[in-house]
Amino acid sequence: MSKPKRIFVVGHMGAGKALLSEALAKKLGWQYIDANPSLERYIGRNLHEILGKEGEAAFHECEAEIIL
């Protein structure tokens, strides 16, 4: 069985995803990448604008596109 190359951690804002992800990456010797800046560049707006105008569903839709 091959080892995974990536792990995606998703969940509600403020749930501790970044803290968990950074600790896990350090333990595994992997690089930690926060997808939020990528999402902002991909859409061309910051997260507050996305969530404020289009809501959380639109935000998660964009996240799914980036992960794919």
PDB file of N, CA and C in Angstrom:
ATOM      1  N   MET A   1       0.843  -1.179   0.000  1.00  0.00           N
ATOM      2  CA  MET A   1       0.000   0.000   0.000  1.00  0.00           C
ATOM      3  C   MET A   1       0.892   1.247   0.000  1.00  0.00           C
ATOM      4  N   SER A   2       0.571   2.179  -0.875  1.00  0.00           N
ATOM      5  CA  SER A   2       1.377   3.398  -0.940  1.00  0.00           C
ATOM      6  C   SER A   2       0.955   4.383   0.142  1.00  0.00           C
ATOM      7  N   LYS A   3       1.908   5.200   0.558  1.00  0.00           N
ATOM      8  CA  LYS A   3       1.633   6.211   1.578  1.00  0.00           C
ATOM      9  C   LYS A   3       0.881   7.377   0.942  1.00  0.00           C
ATOM     10  N   PRO A   4      -0.016   8.004   1.699  1.00  0.00           N
ATOM     11  CA  PRO A   4      -0.726   9.171   1.154  1.00  0.00           C
ATOM     12  C   PRO A   4       0.252  10.319   0.908  1.00  0.00           C
ATOM     13  N   LYS A   5      -0.067  11.115  -0.107  1.00  0.00           N
ATOM     14  CA  LYS A   5       0.754  12.271  -0.435  1.00  0.00           C
ATOM     15  C   LYS A   5       0.182  13.546   0.159  1.00  0.00           C
ATOM     16  N   ARG A   6      -1.114  13.526   0.460  1.00  0.00           N
ATOM     17  CA  ARG A   6      -1.778  14.711   0.976  1.00  0.00           C
ATOM     18  C   ARG A   6      -2.851  14.309   1.977  1.00  0.00           C
ATOM     19  N   ILE A   7      -3.103  15.191   2.902  1.00  0.00           N
ATOM     20  CA  ILE A   7      -4.227  15.044   3.818  1.00  0.00           C
ATOM     21  C   ILE A   7      -4.946  16.385   3.833  1.00  0.00           C
ATOM     22  N   PHE A   8      -6.249  16.362   3.633  1.00  0.00           N
ATOM     23  CA  PHE A   8      -7.050  17.577   3.680  1.00  0.00           C
ATOM     24  C   PHE A   8      -7.864  17.562   4.963  1.00  0.00           C
ATOM     25  N   VAL A   9      -7.805  18.638   5.713  1.00  0.00           N
ATOM     26  CA  VAL A   9      -8.568  18.766   6.949  1.00  0.00           C
ATOM     27  C   VAL A   9      -9.598  19.861   6.720  1.00  0.00           C
ATOM     28  N   VAL A  10     -10.864  19.492   6.828  1.00  0.00           N
ATOM     29  CA  VAL A  10     -11.945  20.459   6.621  1.00  0.00           C
ATOM     30  C   VAL A  10     -12.832  20.503   7.860  1.00  0.00           C
ATOM     31  N   GLY A  11     -13.481  21.611   8.062  1.00  0.00           N
ATOM     32  CA  GLY A  11     -14.388  21.750   9.204  1.00  0.00           C
ATOM     33  C   GLY A  11     -14.779  23.194   9.412  1.00  0.00           C
ATOM     34  N   HIS A  12     -15.528  23.417  10.454  1.00  0.00           N
ATOM     35  CA  HIS A  12     -16.018  24.761  10.754  1.00  0.00           C
ATOM     36  C   HIS A  12     -14.883  25.705  11.132  1.00  0.00           C
ATOM     37  N   MET A  13     -15.089  26.984  10.865  1.00  0.00           N
ATOM     38  CA  MET A  13     -14.125  28.000  11.252  1.00  0.00           C
ATOM     39  C   MET A  13     -13.963  27.994  12.764  1.00  0.00           C
ATOM     40  N   GLY A  14     -12.729  28.090  13.208  1.00  0.00           N
ATOM     41  CA  GLY A  14     -12.448  28.143  14.634  1.00  0.00           C
ATOM     42  C   GLY A  14     -12.407  26.787  15.314  1.00  0.00           C
ATOM     43  N   ALA A  15     -12.509  25.710  14.549  1.00  0.00           N
ATOM     44  CA  ALA A  15     -12.535  24.363  15.134  1.00  0.00           C
ATOM     45  C   ALA A  15     -11.140  23.841  15.485  1.00  0.00           C
ATOM     46  N   GLY A  16     -10.090  24.512  15.007  1.00  0.00           N
ATOM     47  CA  GLY A  16      -8.727  24.069  15.307  1.00  0.00           C
ATOM     48  C   GLY A  16      -8.055  23.306  14.180  1.00  0.00           C
ATOM     49  N   LYS A  17      -8.582  23.448  12.968  1.00  0.00           N
ATOM     50  CA  LYS A  17      -8.021  22.736  11.819  1.00  0.00           C
ATOM     51  C   LYS A  17      -6.562  23.082  11.579  1.00  0.00           C
ATOM     52  N   ALA A  18      -6.225  24.359  11.628  1.00  0.00           N
ATOM     53  CA  ALA A  18      -4.853  24.792  11.362  1.00  0.00           C
ATOM     54  C   ALA A  18      -3.906  24.263  12.431  1.00  0.00           C
ATOM     55  N   LEU A  19      -4.319  24.339  13.674  1.00  0.00           N
ATOM     56  CA  LEU A  19      -3.491  23.847  14.777  1.00  0.00           C
ATOM     57  C   LEU A  19      -3.229  22.350  14.624  1.00  0.00           C
ATOM     58  N   LEU A  20      -4.273  21.589  14.359  1.00  0.00           N
ATOM     59  CA  LEU A  20      -4.142  20.152  14.144  1.00  0.00           C
ATOM     60  C   LEU A  20      -3.265  19.859  12.932  1.00  0.00           C
ATOM     61  N   SER A  21      -3.529  20.552  11.843  1.00  0.00           N
ATOM     62  CA  SER A  21      -2.801  20.305  10.592  1.00  0.00           C
ATOM     63  C   SER A  21      -1.316  20.607  10.716  1.00  0.00           C
ATOM     64  N   GLU A  22      -0.989  21.714  11.356  1.00  0.00           N
ATOM     65  CA  GLU A  22       0.419  22.070  11.542  1.00  0.00           C
ATOM     66  C   GLU A  22       1.135  21.049  12.414  1.00  0.00           C
ATOM     67  N   ALA A  23       0.492  20.608  13.479  1.00  0.00           N
ATOM     68  CA  ALA A  23       1.095  19.610  14.371  1.00  0.00           C
ATOM     69  C   ALA A  23       1.272  18.275  13.648  1.00  0.00           C
ATOM     70  N   LEU A  24       0.275  17.881  12.864  1.00  0.00           N
ATOM     71  CA  LEU A  24       0.350  16.630  12.115  1.00  0.00           C
ATOM     72  C   LEU A  24       1.454  16.682  11.059  1.00  0.00           C
ATOM     73  N   ALA A  25       1.537  17.795  10.332  1.00  0.00           N
ATOM     74  CA  ALA A  25       2.576  17.953   9.315  1.00  0.00           C
ATOM     75  C   ALA A  25       3.959  17.874   9.957  1.00  0.00           C
ATOM     76  N   LYS A  26       4.126  18.517  11.080  1.00  0.00           N
ATOM     77  CA  LYS A  26       5.418  18.487  11.780  1.00  0.00           C
ATOM     78  C   LYS A  26       5.759  17.061  12.200  1.00  0.00           C
ATOM     79  N   LYS A  27       4.789  16.347  12.753  1.00  0.00           N
ATOM     80  CA  LYS A  27       5.002  14.970  13.209  1.00  0.00           C
ATOM     81  C   LYS A  27       5.377  14.048  12.047  1.00  0.00           C
ATOM     82  N   LEU A  28       4.756  14.261  10.879  1.00  0.00           N
ATOM     83  CA  LEU A  28       5.011  13.426   9.707  1.00  0.00           C
ATOM     84  C   LEU A  28       6.218  13.893   8.895  1.00  0.00           C
ATOM     85  N   GLY A  29       6.739  15.081   9.220  1.00  0.00           N
ATOM     86  CA  GLY A  29       7.833  15.636   8.428  1.00  0.00           C
ATOM     87  C   GLY A  29       7.366  16.153   7.081  1.00  0.00           C
ATOM     88  N   TRP A  30       6.103  16.574   7.027  1.00  0.00           N
ATOM     89  CA  TRP A  30       5.502  17.076   5.796  1.00  0.00           C
ATOM     90  C   TRP A  30       5.447  18.595   5.826  1.00  0.00           C
ATOM     91  N   GLN A  31       5.170  19.188   4.677  1.00  0.00           N
ATOM     92  CA  GLN A  31       4.969  20.626   4.572  1.00  0.00           C
ATOM     93  C   GLN A  31       3.504  20.932   4.869  1.00  0.00           C
ATOM     94  N   TYR A  32       3.250  21.964   5.660  1.00  0.00           N
ATOM     95  CA  TYR A  32       1.892  22.416   5.942  1.00  0.00           C
ATOM     96  C   TYR A  32       1.542  23.548   4.987  1.00  0.00           C
ATOM     97  N   ILE A  33       0.398  23.445   4.340  1.00  0.00           N
ATOM     98  CA  ILE A  33      -0.073  24.488   3.433  1.00  0.00           C
ATOM     99  C   ILE A  33      -1.494  24.860   3.828  1.00  0.00           C
ATOM    100  N   ASP A  34      -1.727  26.145   4.053  1.00  0.00           N
ATOM    101  CA  ASP A  34      -3.054  26.657   4.353  1.00  0.00           C
ATOM    102  C   ASP A  34      -3.733  26.982   3.034  1.00  0.00           C
ATOM    103  N   ALA A  35      -4.880  26.376   2.768  1.00  0.00           N
ATOM    104  CA  ALA A  35      -5.574  26.568   1.490  1.00  0.00           C
ATOM    105  C   ALA A  35      -6.264  27.922   1.375  1.00  0.00           C
ATOM    106  N   ASN A  36      -6.515  28.613   2.497  1.00  0.00           N
ATOM    107  CA  ASN A  36      -7.256  29.879   2.425  1.00  0.00           C
ATOM    108  C   ASN A  36      -6.588  30.924   1.532  1.00  0.00           C
ATOM    109  N   PRO A  37      -5.276  31.159   1.646  1.00  0.00           N
ATOM    110  CA  PRO A  37      -4.664  32.129   0.714  1.00  0.00           C
ATOM    111  C   PRO A  37      -4.798  31.696  -0.749  1.00  0.00           C
ATOM    112  N   SER A  38      -4.726  30.392  -1.004  1.00  0.00           N
ATOM    113  CA  SER A  38      -4.899  29.892  -2.375  1.00  0.00           C
ATOM    114  C   SER A  38      -6.314  30.161  -2.861  1.00  0.00           C
ATOM    115  N   LEU A  39      -7.258  29.954  -1.959  1.00  0.00           N
ATOM    116  CA  LEU A  39      -8.656  30.199  -2.306  1.00  0.00           C
ATOM    117  C   LEU A  39      -8.878  31.666  -2.634  1.00  0.00           C
ATOM    118  N   GLU A  40      -8.304  32.540  -1.839  1.00  0.00           N
ATOM    119  CA  GLU A  40      -8.457  33.976  -2.080  1.00  0.00           C
ATOM    120  C   GLU A  40      -7.864  34.363  -3.438  1.00  0.00           C
ATOM    121  N   ARG A  41      -6.689  33.832  -3.769  1.00  0.00           N
ATOM    122  CA  ARG A  41      -6.078  34.129  -5.073  1.00  0.00           C
ATOM    123  C   ARG A  41      -6.911  33.547  -6.218  1.00  0.00           C
ATOM    124  N   TYR A  42      -7.428  32.342  -6.035  1.00  0.00           N
ATOM    125  CA  TYR A  42      -8.216  31.647  -7.061  1.00  0.00           C
ATOM    126  C   TYR A  42      -9.484  32.427  -7.400  1.00  0.00           C
ATOM    127  N   ILE A  43     -10.142  32.953  -6.369  1.00  0.00           N
ATOM    128  CA  ILE A  43     -11.400  33.665  -6.569  1.00  0.00           C
ATOM    129  C   ILE A  43     -11.176  35.145  -6.852  1.00  0.00           C
ATOM    130  N   GLY A  44     -10.098  35.696  -6.310  1.00  0.00           N
ATOM    131  CA  GLY A  44      -9.822  37.110  -6.513  1.00  0.00           C
ATOM    132  C   GLY A  44     -10.449  38.016  -5.470  1.00  0.00           C
ATOM    133  N   ARG A  45     -10.895  37.424  -4.362  1.00  0.00           N
ATOM    134  CA  ARG A  45     -11.479  38.184  -3.259  1.00  0.00           C
ATOM    135  C   ARG A  45     -11.029  37.551  -1.950  1.00  0.00           C
ATOM    136  N   ASN A  46     -11.095  38.321  -0.852  1.00  0.00           N
ATOM    137  CA  ASN A  46     -10.721  37.734   0.430  1.00  0.00           C
ATOM    138  C   ASN A  46     -11.893  36.943   1.009  1.00  0.00           C
ATOM    139  N   LEU A  47     -11.607  36.134   2.026  1.00  0.00           N
ATOM    140  CA  LEU A  47     -12.624  35.249   2.595  1.00  0.00           C
ATOM    141  C   LEU A  47     -13.815  36.002   3.166  1.00  0.00           C
ATOM    142  N   HIS A  48     -13.586  37.157   3.743  1.00  0.00           N
ATOM    143  CA  HIS A  48     -14.693  37.931   4.307  1.00  0.00           C
ATOM    144  C   HIS A  48     -15.658  38.371   3.206  1.00  0.00           C
ATOM    145  N   GLU A  49     -15.111  38.730   2.058  1.00  0.00           N
ATOM    146  CA  GLU A  49     -15.978  39.111   0.937  1.00  0.00           C
ATOM    147  C   GLU A  49     -16.762  37.907   0.427  1.00  0.00           C
ATOM    148  N   ILE A  50     -16.120  36.765   0.329  1.00  0.00           N
ATOM    149  CA  ILE A  50     -16.777  35.555  -0.177  1.00  0.00           C
ATOM    150  C   ILE A  50     -17.913  35.147   0.753  1.00  0.00           C
ATOM    151  N   LEU A  51     -17.600  35.032   2.026  1.00  0.00           N
ATOM    152  CA  LEU A  51     -18.613  34.590   2.985  1.00  0.00           C
ATOM    153  C   LEU A  51     -19.718  35.618   3.160  1.00  0.00           C
ATOM    154  N   GLY A  52     -19.356  36.892   3.116  1.00  0.00           N
ATOM    155  CA  GLY A  52     -20.349  37.943   3.303  1.00  0.00           C
ATOM    156  C   GLY A  52     -21.341  38.024   2.169  1.00  0.00           C
ATOM    157  N   LYS A  53     -20.872  37.860   0.957  1.00  0.00           N
ATOM    158  CA  LYS A  53     -21.744  38.026  -0.203  1.00  0.00           C
ATOM    159  C   LYS A  53     -22.406  36.720  -0.630  1.00  0.00           C
ATOM    160  N   GLU A  54     -21.671  35.623  -0.587  1.00  0.00           N
ATOM    161  CA  GLU A  54     -22.180  34.376  -1.152  1.00  0.00           C
ATOM    162  C   GLU A  54     -22.431  33.283  -0.130  1.00  0.00           C
ATOM    163  N   GLY A  55     -21.981  33.486   1.089  1.00  0.00           N
ATOM    164  CA  GLY A  55     -22.254  32.520   2.140  1.00  0.00           C
ATOM    165  C   GLY A  55     -21.274  31.368   2.200  1.00  0.00           C
ATOM    166  N   GLU A  56     -21.445  30.577   3.238  1.00  0.00           N
ATOM    167  CA  GLU A  56     -20.531  29.469   3.513  1.00  0.00           C
ATOM    168  C   GLU A  56     -20.594  28.388   2.439  1.00  0.00           C
ATOM    169  N   ALA A  57     -21.758  28.150   1.849  1.00  0.00           N
ATOM    170  CA  ALA A  57     -21.890  27.116   0.813  1.00  0.00           C
ATOM    171  C   ALA A  57     -20.996  27.433  -0.387  1.00  0.00           C
ATOM    172  N   ALA A  58     -20.968  28.683  -0.798  1.00  0.00           N
ATOM    173  CA  ALA A  58     -20.120  29.090  -1.915  1.00  0.00           C
ATOM    174  C   ALA A  58     -18.648  28.928  -1.564  1.00  0.00           C
ATOM    175  N   PHE A  59     -18.304  29.242  -0.325  1.00  0.00           N
ATOM    176  CA  PHE A  59     -16.927  29.083   0.141  1.00  0.00           C
ATOM    177  C   PHE A  59     -16.490  27.623   0.033  1.00  0.00           C
ATOM    178  N   HIS A  60     -17.326  26.707   0.518  1.00  0.00           N
ATOM    179  CA  HIS A  60     -16.976  25.294   0.482  1.00  0.00           C
ATOM    180  C   HIS A  60     -16.956  24.745  -0.945  1.00  0.00           C
ATOM    181  N   GLU A  61     -17.769  25.299  -1.802  1.00  0.00           N
ATOM    182  CA  GLU A  61     -17.755  24.904  -3.206  1.00  0.00           C
ATOM    183  C   GLU A  61     -16.401  25.256  -3.840  1.00  0.00           C
ATOM    184  N   CYS A  62     -15.906  26.439  -3.542  1.00  0.00           N
ATOM    185  CA  CYS A  62     -14.607  26.871  -4.048  1.00  0.00           C
ATOM    186  C   CYS A  62     -13.477  26.021  -3.468  1.00  0.00           C
ATOM    187  N   GLU A  63     -13.573  25.697  -2.189  1.00  0.00           N
ATOM    188  CA  GLU A  63     -12.565  24.822  -1.559  1.00  0.00           C
ATOM    189  C   GLU A  63     -12.511  23.481  -2.276  1.00  0.00           C
ATOM    190  N   ALA A  64     -13.662  22.918  -2.573  1.00  0.00           N
ATOM    191  CA  ALA A  64     -13.730  21.608  -3.252  1.00  0.00           C
ATOM    192  C   ALA A  64     -13.066  21.680  -4.622  1.00  0.00           C
ATOM    193  N   GLU A  65     -13.270  22.770  -5.355  1.00  0.00           N
ATOM    194  CA  GLU A  65     -12.643  22.928  -6.668  1.00  0.00           C
ATOM    195  C   GLU A  65     -11.128  22.956  -6.551  1.00  0.00           C
ATOM    196  N   ILE A  66     -10.607  23.651  -5.541  1.00  0.00           N
ATOM    197  CA  ILE A  66      -9.164  23.733  -5.357  1.00  0.00           C
ATOM    198  C   ILE A  66      -8.577  22.374  -5.006  1.00  0.00           C
ATOM    199  N   ILE A  67      -9.257  21.642  -4.124  1.00  0.00           N
ATOM    200  CA  ILE A  67      -8.770  20.334  -3.705  1.00  0.00           C
ATOM    201  C   ILE A  67      -8.733  19.359  -4.879  1.00  0.00           C
ATOM    202  N   LEU A  68      -9.733  19.421  -5.747  1.00  0.00           N
ATOM    203  CA  LEU A  68      -9.752  18.547  -6.920  1.00  0.00           C
ATOM    204  C   LEU A  68      -8.589  18.843  -7.827  1.00  0.00           C
TER     205      LEU A  68
END
